[in-house]
Amino acid sequence: MKTVQIEFSKYELVNFLWPELIEEYGFDKARKIVSQAIDLQKNEWD
């Protein structure tokens, strides 16, 4: 399995992507995507 390193601190949080994520993946899947991104960001800070 390939590991990808992303430095999330370079990016700014935005809320306008929510409608696009929900439209594309549905609410539950979009919520999981965002939750995983937040978890990854927290791990990056540790």
C-alpha atoms as a PDB file:
ATOM      1  CA  MET A   1       0.000   0.000   0.000  1.00  0.00           C
ATOM      2  CA  LYS A   2       1.329   3.414  -0.966  1.00  0.00           C
ATOM      3  CA  THR A   3       1.437   6.176   1.655  1.00  0.00           C
ATOM      4  CA  VAL A   4       0.730   9.741   0.590  1.00  0.00           C
ATOM      5  CA  GLN A   5       2.003  12.610   2.727  1.00  0.00           C
ATOM      6  CA  ILE A   6      -0.165  15.735   2.676  1.00  0.00           C
ATOM      7  CA  GLU A   7       0.699  18.825   4.682  1.00  0.00           C
ATOM      8  CA  PHE A   8      -2.761  20.088   5.634  1.00  0.00           C
ATOM      9  CA  SER A   9      -1.394  23.179   7.371  1.00  0.00           C
ATOM     10  CA  LYS A  10      -0.869  24.722   3.923  1.00  0.00           C
ATOM     11  CA  TYR A  11      -4.605  24.719   3.257  1.00  0.00           C
ATOM     12  CA  GLU A  12      -7.450  26.871   4.520  1.00  0.00           C
ATOM     13  CA  LEU A  13     -10.707  25.489   5.921  1.00  0.00           C
ATOM     14  CA  VAL A  14     -13.778  26.301   3.834  1.00  0.00           C
ATOM     15  CA  ASN A  15     -17.479  25.511   4.162  1.00  0.00           C
ATOM     16  CA  PHE A  16     -18.587  26.030   0.557  1.00  0.00           C
ATOM     17  CA  LEU A  17     -17.529  22.498  -0.431  1.00  0.00           C
ATOM     18  CA  TRP A  18     -20.227  20.860   1.711  1.00  0.00           C
ATOM     19  CA  PRO A  19     -23.006  21.151  -0.907  1.00  0.00           C
ATOM     20  CA  GLU A  20     -20.752  19.679  -3.598  1.00  0.00           C
ATOM     21  CA  LEU A  21     -19.674  16.767  -1.390  1.00  0.00           C
ATOM     22  CA  ILE A  22     -23.256  16.039  -0.372  1.00  0.00           C
ATOM     23  CA  GLU A  23     -24.504  16.245  -3.954  1.00  0.00           C
ATOM     24  CA  GLU A  24     -21.731  13.976  -5.223  1.00  0.00           C
ATOM     25  CA  TYR A  25     -21.564  11.383  -2.417  1.00  0.00           C
ATOM     26  CA  GLY A  26     -24.673  11.801  -0.260  1.00  0.00           C
ATOM     27  CA  PHE A  27     -24.739  13.161   3.270  1.00  0.00           C
ATOM     28  CA  ASP A  28     -23.422  10.127   5.167  1.00  0.00           C
ATOM     29  CA  LYS A  29     -20.499   9.526   2.800  1.00  0.00           C
ATOM     30  CA  ALA A  30     -19.644  13.262   2.731  1.00  0.00           C
ATOM     31  CA  ARG A  31     -19.661  13.329   6.539  1.00  0.00           C
ATOM     32  CA  LYS A  32     -17.255  10.353   6.607  1.00  0.00           C
ATOM     33  CA  ILE A  33     -14.956  12.020   4.072  1.00  0.00           C
ATOM     34  CA  VAL A  34     -14.771  15.193   6.154  1.00  0.00           C
ATOM     35  CA  SER A  35     -14.309  13.227   9.376  1.00  0.00           C
ATOM     36  CA  GLN A  36     -11.392  11.303   7.878  1.00  0.00           C
ATOM     37  CA  ALA A  37      -9.808  14.530   6.603  1.00  0.00           C
ATOM     38  CA  ILE A  38     -10.082  16.072  10.073  1.00  0.00           C
ATOM     39  CA  ASP A  39      -8.547  12.954  11.646  1.00  0.00           C
ATOM     40  CA  LEU A  40      -5.669  13.080   9.182  1.00  0.00           C
ATOM     41  CA  GLN A  41      -5.137  16.748   9.953  1.00  0.00           C
ATOM     42  CA  LYS A  42      -5.089  16.052  13.705  1.00  0.00           C
ATOM     43  CA  ASN A  43      -2.473  13.317  13.151  1.00  0.00           C
ATOM     44  CA  GLU A  44      -0.393  15.760  11.139  1.00  0.00           C
ATOM     45  CA  TRP A  45      -0.318  18.140  14.127  1.00  0.00           C
ATOM     46  CA  ASP A  46       0.736  15.438  16.621  1.00  0.00           C
END
